[in-house]
Amino acid sequence: MTSRRTGAAVAALTAILGIGATGCSSDDAPEGSSGGLSPLGDQPASVTVDYRVDAPSGAADITYTEADGTLQIVDDAELPWSLEFTARRSEQAGASPNLSVTPADVLAPGSDTEELSCRVTVDDEVAAEQTGPLQVMCAVPDLRMAAAGD
């Protein structure tokens, strides 16, 4: 059953990566420039990305994108769950912050479908969030990132 849940989570996140952030919100990047910052206008060269997942109780299967683009899967994560990391902004190709969550027991007969919520913050500002009963997905397609050490 775990491989079925994992496959569904990977398929959902792959869809996000291919078509954008359906059901999530993101803010437009500011315009302009100031001294001492990266060539990305007035945006700092690095960002702090924070993934958060919450529900009234239980566990969830979580799939997320690391700064270097690697998909990570956490099965049966105890909620609430969070992960914070620093990434480098990328002007060209790079990974976008993506988070997909399903209840760990969604395929169990008679399972309760409590509300799940996901949130992605970038430098302490909410960039995407969603709440729902069976699966939530949050993406920030307008941010391209790379591992801080690359």
Protein backbone atom coordinates (compact mmCIF):
# COMPACT_ATOMS: atom_id res chain seq x y z
CA MET A 1 0.00 0.00 0.00
CA THR A 2 2.91 2.37 0.69
CA SER A 3 4.15 2.12 -2.90
CA ARG A 4 0.66 2.99 -4.16
CA ARG A 5 0.55 6.11 -1.93
CA THR A 6 4.10 7.03 -2.85
CA GLY A 7 3.36 6.64 -6.56
CA ALA A 8 0.29 8.87 -6.24
CA ALA A 9 2.28 11.53 -4.40
CA VAL A 10 5.10 11.49 -6.96
CA ALA A 11 2.60 11.66 -9.83
CA ALA A 12 0.86 14.62 -8.23
CA LEU A 13 4.11 16.50 -7.64
CA THR A 14 5.29 15.72 -11.16
CA ALA A 15 2.08 17.27 -12.45
CA ILE A 16 2.79 20.41 -10.44
CA LEU A 17 6.30 20.63 -11.81
CA GLY A 18 5.00 20.30 -15.36
CA ILE A 19 1.96 22.55 -15.36
CA GLY A 20 2.38 25.11 -12.58
CA ALA A 21 0.70 25.82 -9.28
CA THR A 22 -2.97 24.94 -9.66
CA GLY A 23 -4.78 25.75 -6.45
CA CYS A 24 -1.91 27.61 -4.85
CA SER A 25 -0.97 31.23 -4.71
CA SER A 26 2.28 33.07 -5.15
CA ASP A 27 3.29 36.69 -4.99
CA ASP A 28 4.88 38.58 -7.85
CA ALA A 29 8.55 39.37 -7.44
CA PRO A 30 9.33 43.03 -6.74
CA GLU A 31 10.85 45.18 -9.45
CA GLY A 32 13.83 47.50 -9.28
CA SER A 33 17.33 47.13 -7.94
CA SER A 34 19.59 48.24 -5.13
CA GLY A 35 23.32 48.07 -4.48
CA GLY A 36 25.02 45.03 -2.99
CA LEU A 37 22.48 42.47 -4.15
CA SER A 38 22.43 39.77 -6.79
CA PRO A 39 21.82 40.44 -10.51
CA LEU A 40 18.20 39.41 -9.82
CA GLY A 41 17.06 42.98 -9.21
CA ASP A 42 16.47 43.84 -5.57
CA GLN A 43 16.07 40.21 -4.54
CA PRO A 44 18.72 38.72 -2.25
CA ALA A 45 21.00 36.02 -3.69
CA SER A 46 19.80 33.45 -1.14
CA VAL A 47 16.40 32.67 0.34
CA THR A 48 15.09 30.75 3.31
CA VAL A 49 12.36 28.31 2.30
CA ASP A 50 10.08 26.82 4.94
CA TYR A 51 7.68 23.93 4.25
CA ARG A 52 4.89 23.36 6.79
CA VAL A 53 2.18 20.70 6.93
CA ASP A 54 -0.56 20.62 9.54
CA ALA A 55 -3.70 18.68 10.41
CA PRO A 56 -5.75 18.23 13.57
CA SER A 57 -4.09 14.84 14.13
CA GLY A 58 -2.52 11.87 12.44
CA ALA A 59 0.19 11.34 9.87
CA ALA A 60 0.71 12.22 6.23
CA ASP A 61 2.76 11.17 3.24
CA ILE A 62 4.78 14.20 2.14
CA THR A 63 6.65 14.76 -1.10
CA TYR A 64 8.77 17.88 -1.48
CA THR A 65 11.47 19.39 -3.66
CA GLU A 66 14.88 20.14 -2.18
CA ALA A 67 16.89 23.17 -3.31
CA ASP A 68 18.85 21.05 -5.82
CA GLY A 69 15.65 19.66 -7.39
CA THR A 70 15.75 16.27 -5.68
CA LEU A 71 12.31 14.92 -4.79
CA GLN A 72 12.12 13.64 -1.23
CA ILE A 73 9.36 11.42 0.13
CA VAL A 74 8.48 11.14 3.81
CA ASP A 75 6.01 8.32 4.52
CA ASP A 76 3.84 8.48 7.65
CA ALA A 77 5.23 11.82 8.86
CA GLU A 78 3.80 12.78 12.23
CA LEU A 79 1.91 16.07 12.03
CA PRO A 80 2.58 18.92 12.40
CA TRP A 81 5.68 18.64 10.17
CA SER A 82 8.09 21.31 8.95
CA LEU A 83 11.37 21.68 7.11
CA GLU A 84 13.46 24.81 6.62
CA PHE A 85 16.47 25.25 4.34
CA THR A 86 18.49 27.96 2.63
CA ALA A 87 18.70 28.01 -1.15
CA ARG A 88 20.36 30.19 -3.73
CA ARG A 89 18.17 32.03 -6.25
CA SER A 90 18.81 30.94 -9.81
CA GLU A 91 18.34 33.21 -12.82
CA GLN A 92 18.01 30.30 -15.21
CA ALA A 93 16.99 26.68 -14.78
CA GLY A 94 16.45 25.45 -11.28
CA ALA A 95 13.99 23.76 -8.99
CA SER A 96 10.90 25.47 -7.63
CA PRO A 97 9.63 24.92 -4.10
CA ASN A 98 6.92 22.23 -4.30
CA LEU A 99 5.08 20.37 -1.57
CA SER A 100 2.45 17.62 -1.94
CA VAL A 101 0.62 16.03 1.00
CA THR A 102 -1.87 13.15 1.39
CA PRO A 103 -3.16 11.59 4.61
CA ALA A 104 -1.12 8.47 5.42
CA ASP A 105 -4.27 6.40 5.84
CA VAL A 106 -6.23 7.76 2.85
CA LEU A 107 -6.52 4.30 1.28
CA ALA A 108 -7.60 2.56 4.48
CA PRO A 109 -11.29 1.55 4.53
CA GLY A 110 -13.29 3.94 6.70
CA SER A 111 -10.40 6.37 7.11
CA ASP A 112 -11.25 9.83 8.40
CA THR A 113 -10.53 12.65 5.96
CA GLU A 114 -9.49 15.49 8.24
CA GLU A 115 -8.43 18.80 6.74
CA LEU A 116 -4.79 19.00 5.76
CA SER A 117 -2.96 22.23 5.13
CA CYS A 118 0.34 23.01 3.49
CA ARG A 119 2.26 26.27 3.42
CA VAL A 120 5.44 27.38 1.73
CA THR A 121 7.09 30.53 3.01
CA VAL A 122 10.01 32.28 1.36
CA ASP A 123 11.96 34.64 3.59
CA ASP A 124 9.12 34.58 6.16
CA GLU A 125 6.45 35.58 3.61
CA VAL A 126 3.71 33.12 2.65
CA ALA A 127 4.28 32.22 -1.01
CA ALA A 128 1.74 29.38 -1.33
CA GLU A 129 -0.83 27.67 0.86
CA GLN A 130 -3.73 25.29 0.49
CA THR A 131 -6.19 23.42 2.73
CA GLY A 132 -8.24 20.37 1.77
CA PRO A 133 -9.41 16.92 2.90
CA LEU A 134 -7.61 14.40 0.67
CA GLN A 135 -4.60 16.02 -0.95
CA VAL A 136 -3.02 19.45 -0.83
CA MET A 137 -0.32 20.82 -3.09
CA CYS A 138 1.65 24.04 -2.78
CA ALA A 139 4.08 25.37 -5.35
CA VAL A 140 6.01 28.56 -5.98
CA PRO A 141 6.67 28.42 -9.74
CA ASP A 142 8.08 31.95 -9.98
CA LEU A 143 11.05 31.09 -7.74
CA ARG A 144 13.92 29.10 -9.21
CA MET A 145 16.41 27.84 -6.66
CA ALA A 146 19.63 25.89 -6.45
CA ALA A 147 21.44 24.35 -3.51
CA ALA A 148 23.15 27.03 -1.43
CA GLY A 149 26.59 25.43 -1.87
CA ASP A 150 26.41 25.02 -5.70
